[in-house]
Amino acid sequence: MDFTFQVLKNTRAIFNEIIENNTLEDLNKIPEGFNNNIIWNIGHTVVSEQLLAYKLSGLESTLSDDLINKYRKDSKPEGDLTQDDVNEIKELLFSTIEKTKLDYNNEVFKTYNSYTVSTTGNTLNNIDEALQFIVIHEGLHYGYILALLKTVKN
């Protein structure tokens, strides 16, 4: 799983760079033809990782219920985020992955409630499968973010 965690860390570094290199206005903008924005996609990856790894393992996430509800599947931006909101997401990019890696290495994930993901139709049966899917999921959202960036910058 070291490779999987390295990919996640690298993807999160890209997301961090996107946050740092764009204005708050650009991060919040929902272009015509889209139903979310750059910062929602980044927040969604943080929340989804926690739900897929922790909640489905019967463990508590370190994220607040409010944050989870803002970015979970089938949610959408409810208004512009403040710089403080963006900073919170930025801080969670690495702390959540580091904790997941630590918990994984300490064998905290003992059980898993199988879950079929809507994007690919695959059923996740254990933490290893969940982590592999999380990499794919974050890659999908990176693609959405690139499309949003192209639209926002033109």
C-alpha atoms as a PDB file:
ATOM      1  CA  MET A   1       0.000   0.000   0.000  1.00  0.00           C
ATOM      2  CA  ASP A   2       3.003   2.326   0.143  1.00  0.00           C
ATOM      3  CA  PHE A   3       2.565   3.103  -3.557  1.00  0.00           C
ATOM      4  CA  THR A   4      -1.149   3.833  -3.087  1.00  0.00           C
ATOM      5  CA  PHE A   5      -0.414   6.270  -0.267  1.00  0.00           C
ATOM      6  CA  GLN A   6       2.340   7.896  -2.336  1.00  0.00           C
ATOM      7  CA  VAL A   7      -0.094   8.461  -5.221  1.00  0.00           C
ATOM      8  CA  LEU A   8      -2.651   9.941  -2.808  1.00  0.00           C
ATOM      9  CA  LYS A   9      -0.029  12.225  -1.289  1.00  0.00           C
ATOM     10  CA  ASN A  10       1.063  13.391  -4.763  1.00  0.00           C
ATOM     11  CA  THR A  11      -2.536  13.997  -5.870  1.00  0.00           C
ATOM     12  CA  ARG A  12      -3.205  15.977  -2.710  1.00  0.00           C
ATOM     13  CA  ALA A  13      -0.047  18.023  -3.377  1.00  0.00           C
ATOM     14  CA  ILE A  14      -1.463  18.890  -6.807  1.00  0.00           C
ATOM     15  CA  PHE A  15      -4.763  19.921  -5.175  1.00  0.00           C
ATOM     16  CA  ASN A  16      -2.823  22.049  -2.674  1.00  0.00           C
ATOM     17  CA  GLU A  17      -0.974  23.737  -5.529  1.00  0.00           C
ATOM     18  CA  ILE A  18      -4.275  24.449  -7.290  1.00  0.00           C
ATOM     19  CA  ILE A  19      -5.610  26.100  -4.130  1.00  0.00           C
ATOM     20  CA  GLU A  20      -2.460  28.191  -3.735  1.00  0.00           C
ATOM     21  CA  ASN A  21      -2.308  29.274  -7.381  1.00  0.00           C
ATOM     22  CA  ASN A  22      -5.925  30.383  -7.801  1.00  0.00           C
ATOM     23  CA  THR A  23      -7.979  33.183  -6.353  1.00  0.00           C
ATOM     24  CA  LEU A  24     -10.810  32.570  -3.938  1.00  0.00           C
ATOM     25  CA  GLU A  25     -13.148  33.802  -6.673  1.00  0.00           C
ATOM     26  CA  ASP A  26     -11.792  31.245  -9.168  1.00  0.00           C
ATOM     27  CA  LEU A  27     -12.008  28.413  -6.618  1.00  0.00           C
ATOM     28  CA  ASN A  28     -15.669  29.279  -5.951  1.00  0.00           C
ATOM     29  CA  LYS A  29     -16.777  29.945  -9.535  1.00  0.00           C
ATOM     30  CA  ILE A  30     -19.316  27.532 -11.021  1.00  0.00           C
ATOM     31  CA  PRO A  31     -18.994  27.900 -14.797  1.00  0.00           C
ATOM     32  CA  GLU A  32     -21.973  27.498 -17.093  1.00  0.00           C
ATOM     33  CA  GLY A  33     -22.592  23.822 -17.764  1.00  0.00           C
ATOM     34  CA  PHE A  34     -21.120  22.695 -14.413  1.00  0.00           C
ATOM     35  CA  ASN A  35     -22.907  22.055 -11.113  1.00  0.00           C
ATOM     36  CA  ASN A  36     -19.943  22.491  -8.781  1.00  0.00           C
ATOM     37  CA  ASN A  37     -16.624  24.293  -8.503  1.00  0.00           C
ATOM     38  CA  ILE A  38     -12.921  23.627  -7.952  1.00  0.00           C
ATOM     39  CA  ILE A  39     -12.949  23.885  -4.168  1.00  0.00           C
ATOM     40  CA  TRP A  40     -16.049  21.681  -3.834  1.00  0.00           C
ATOM     41  CA  ASN A  41     -14.257  18.948  -5.811  1.00  0.00           C
ATOM     42  CA  ILE A  42     -11.219  19.170  -3.545  1.00  0.00           C
ATOM     43  CA  GLY A  43     -13.374  19.125  -0.391  1.00  0.00           C
ATOM     44  CA  HIS A  44     -15.326  16.208  -1.823  1.00  0.00           C
ATOM     45  CA  THR A  45     -12.167  14.110  -2.226  1.00  0.00           C
ATOM     46  CA  VAL A  46     -11.205  14.730   1.417  1.00  0.00           C
ATOM     47  CA  VAL A  47     -14.659  13.750   2.676  1.00  0.00           C
ATOM     48  CA  SER A  48     -15.022  10.761   0.354  1.00  0.00           C
ATOM     49  CA  GLU A  49     -11.691   9.307   1.466  1.00  0.00           C
ATOM     50  CA  GLN A  50     -12.806   9.506   5.080  1.00  0.00           C
ATOM     51  CA  LEU A  51     -16.209   7.970   4.402  1.00  0.00           C
ATOM     52  CA  LEU A  52     -14.846   5.157   2.235  1.00  0.00           C
ATOM     53  CA  ALA A  53     -12.011   4.304   4.619  1.00  0.00           C
ATOM     54  CA  TYR A  54     -13.373   5.061   8.091  1.00  0.00           C
ATOM     55  CA  LYS A  55     -17.167   5.056   8.042  1.00  0.00           C
ATOM     56  CA  LEU A  56     -17.370   1.846   6.020  1.00  0.00           C
ATOM     57  CA  SER A  57     -14.887   0.285   8.447  1.00  0.00           C
ATOM     58  CA  GLY A  58     -17.183   1.197  11.340  1.00  0.00           C
ATOM     59  CA  LEU A  59     -14.733   3.834  12.584  1.00  0.00           C
ATOM     60  CA  GLU A  60     -15.226   7.508  13.331  1.00  0.00           C
ATOM     61  CA  SER A  61     -13.906  10.106  10.931  1.00  0.00           C
ATOM     62  CA  THR A  62     -12.049  13.085  12.335  1.00  0.00           C
ATOM     63  CA  LEU A  63     -14.206  15.336  10.140  1.00  0.00           C
ATOM     64  CA  SER A  64     -17.237  17.161  11.471  1.00  0.00           C
ATOM     65  CA  ASP A  65     -20.712  16.092  10.376  1.00  0.00           C
ATOM     66  CA  ASP A  66     -21.151  19.590   8.919  1.00  0.00           C
ATOM     67  CA  LEU A  67     -18.090  19.223   6.703  1.00  0.00           C
ATOM     68  CA  ILE A  68     -19.128  15.716   5.656  1.00  0.00           C
ATOM     69  CA  ASN A  69     -22.613  16.915   4.703  1.00  0.00           C
ATOM     70  CA  LYS A  70     -21.222  19.827   2.646  1.00  0.00           C
ATOM     71  CA  TYR A  71     -19.039  17.614   0.455  1.00  0.00           C
ATOM     72  CA  ARG A  72     -20.498  14.095   0.487  1.00  0.00           C
ATOM     73  CA  LYS A  73     -21.785  12.362  -2.604  1.00  0.00           C
ATOM     74  CA  ASP A  74     -24.828  14.082  -4.144  1.00  0.00           C
ATOM     75  CA  SER A  75     -24.084  17.387  -2.412  1.00  0.00           C
ATOM     76  CA  LYS A  76     -23.287  20.610  -4.246  1.00  0.00           C
ATOM     77  CA  PRO A  77     -21.918  24.025  -3.320  1.00  0.00           C
ATOM     78  CA  GLU A  78     -24.396  25.982  -1.220  1.00  0.00           C
ATOM     79  CA  GLY A  79     -22.604  29.297  -1.656  1.00  0.00           C
ATOM     80  CA  ASP A  80     -19.132  30.752  -1.854  1.00  0.00           C
ATOM     81  CA  LEU A  81     -16.573  29.567   0.668  1.00  0.00           C
ATOM     82  CA  THR A  82     -14.555  32.030   2.706  1.00  0.00           C
ATOM     83  CA  GLN A  83     -10.767  31.978   2.826  1.00  0.00           C
ATOM     84  CA  ASP A  84     -11.044  30.322   6.264  1.00  0.00           C
ATOM     85  CA  ASP A  85     -13.172  27.537   4.742  1.00  0.00           C
ATOM     86  CA  VAL A  86     -10.591  27.018   1.987  1.00  0.00           C
ATOM     87  CA  ASN A  87      -7.770  26.996   4.553  1.00  0.00           C
ATOM     88  CA  GLU A  88      -9.581  24.281   6.506  1.00  0.00           C
ATOM     89  CA  ILE A  89      -9.829  22.087   3.400  1.00  0.00           C
ATOM     90  CA  LYS A  90      -6.191  22.796   2.586  1.00  0.00           C
ATOM     91  CA  GLU A  91      -5.089  21.691   6.068  1.00  0.00           C
ATOM     92  CA  LEU A  92      -7.130  18.493   5.798  1.00  0.00           C
ATOM     93  CA  LEU A  93      -5.572  17.491   2.461  1.00  0.00           C
ATOM     94  CA  PHE A  94      -2.494  16.003   4.100  1.00  0.00           C
ATOM     95  CA  SER A  95      -3.529  15.410   7.712  1.00  0.00           C
ATOM     96  CA  THR A  96      -6.320  13.024   6.705  1.00  0.00           C
ATOM     97  CA  ILE A  97      -4.119  10.938   4.392  1.00  0.00           C
ATOM     98  CA  GLU A  98      -1.316  10.821   6.964  1.00  0.00           C
ATOM     99  CA  LYS A  99      -3.728   9.588   9.639  1.00  0.00           C
ATOM    100  CA  THR A 100      -5.222   7.006   7.281  1.00  0.00           C
ATOM    101  CA  LYS A 101      -1.745   5.701   6.432  1.00  0.00           C
ATOM    102  CA  LEU A 102      -0.801   5.542  10.123  1.00  0.00           C
ATOM    103  CA  ASP A 103      -4.053   3.756  10.999  1.00  0.00           C
ATOM    104  CA  TYR A 104      -3.598   1.381   8.066  1.00  0.00           C
ATOM    105  CA  ASN A 105      -0.057   0.513   9.143  1.00  0.00           C
ATOM    106  CA  ASN A 106      -1.277   0.017  12.721  1.00  0.00           C
ATOM    107  CA  GLU A 107      -4.003  -2.341  11.422  1.00  0.00           C
ATOM    108  CA  VAL A 108      -6.846  -0.214  12.785  1.00  0.00           C
ATOM    109  CA  PHE A 109      -9.096  -1.174   9.847  1.00  0.00           C
ATOM    110  CA  LYS A 110     -10.307  -4.615  10.962  1.00  0.00           C
ATOM    111  CA  THR A 111     -13.800  -4.853   9.450  1.00  0.00           C
ATOM    112  CA  TYR A 112     -15.427  -3.390   6.361  1.00  0.00           C
ATOM    113  CA  ASN A 113     -19.056  -2.980   5.298  1.00  0.00           C
ATOM    114  CA  SER A 114     -19.162  -3.807   1.589  1.00  0.00           C
ATOM    115  CA  TYR A 115     -20.194  -0.901  -0.606  1.00  0.00           C
ATOM    116  CA  THR A 116     -20.862  -0.702  -4.338  1.00  0.00           C
ATOM    117  CA  VAL A 117     -19.583   2.536  -5.829  1.00  0.00           C
ATOM    118  CA  SER A 118     -21.803   4.300  -8.323  1.00  0.00           C
ATOM    119  CA  THR A 119     -19.006   5.522 -10.603  1.00  0.00           C
ATOM    120  CA  THR A 120     -17.643   2.105 -11.617  1.00  0.00           C
ATOM    121  CA  GLY A 121     -20.154  -0.371 -10.180  1.00  0.00           C
ATOM    122  CA  ASN A 122     -17.400  -2.159  -8.274  1.00  0.00           C
ATOM    123  CA  THR A 123     -18.062  -3.454  -4.776  1.00  0.00           C
ATOM    124  CA  LEU A 124     -15.499  -2.540  -2.153  1.00  0.00           C
ATOM    125  CA  ASN A 125     -15.078  -5.410   0.318  1.00  0.00           C
ATOM    126  CA  ASN A 126     -12.104  -4.343   2.432  1.00  0.00           C
ATOM    127  CA  ILE A 127      -9.838  -1.415   3.220  1.00  0.00           C
ATOM    128  CA  ASP A 128      -7.321  -2.371   0.504  1.00  0.00           C
ATOM    129  CA  GLU A 129     -10.001  -2.227  -2.190  1.00  0.00           C
ATOM    130  CA  ALA A 130     -11.314   1.023  -0.715  1.00  0.00           C
ATOM    131  CA  LEU A 131      -7.875   2.644  -0.863  1.00  0.00           C
ATOM    132  CA  GLN A 132      -7.383   1.510  -4.454  1.00  0.00           C
ATOM    133  CA  PHE A 133     -10.737   3.017  -5.382  1.00  0.00           C
ATOM    134  CA  ILE A 134      -9.946   6.240  -3.502  1.00  0.00           C
ATOM    135  CA  VAL A 135      -6.968   6.722  -5.845  1.00  0.00           C
ATOM    136  CA  ILE A 136      -9.257   6.313  -8.867  1.00  0.00           C
ATOM    137  CA  HIS A 137     -11.889   8.608  -7.354  1.00  0.00           C
ATOM    138  CA  GLU A 138      -9.367  11.376  -6.705  1.00  0.00           C
ATOM    139  CA  GLY A 139      -8.091  10.990 -10.271  1.00  0.00           C
ATOM    140  CA  LEU A 140     -11.619  11.439 -11.605  1.00  0.00           C
ATOM    141  CA  HIS A 141     -12.038  14.629  -9.603  1.00  0.00           C
ATOM    142  CA  TYR A 142      -8.621  15.864 -10.702  1.00  0.00           C
ATOM    143  CA  GLY A 143      -9.969  15.581 -14.253  1.00  0.00           C
ATOM    144  CA  TYR A 144     -13.074  17.571 -13.293  1.00  0.00           C
ATOM    145  CA  ILE A 145     -10.862  20.187 -11.660  1.00  0.00           C
ATOM    146  CA  LEU A 146      -8.729  20.501 -14.813  1.00  0.00           C
ATOM    147  CA  ALA A 147     -11.877  21.041 -16.893  1.00  0.00           C
ATOM    148  CA  LEU A 148     -13.108  23.635 -14.391  1.00  0.00           C
ATOM    149  CA  LEU A 149      -9.733  25.399 -14.400  1.00  0.00           C
ATOM    150  CA  LYS A 150      -9.733  25.595 -18.187  1.00  0.00           C
ATOM    151  CA  THR A 151     -13.240  27.067 -18.167  1.00  0.00           C
ATOM    152  CA  VAL A 152     -12.616  29.464 -15.268  1.00  0.00           C
ATOM    153  CA  LYS A 153      -9.402  30.805 -16.797  1.00  0.00           C
ATOM    154  CA  ASN A 154     -10.906  31.461 -20.250  1.00  0.00           C
END
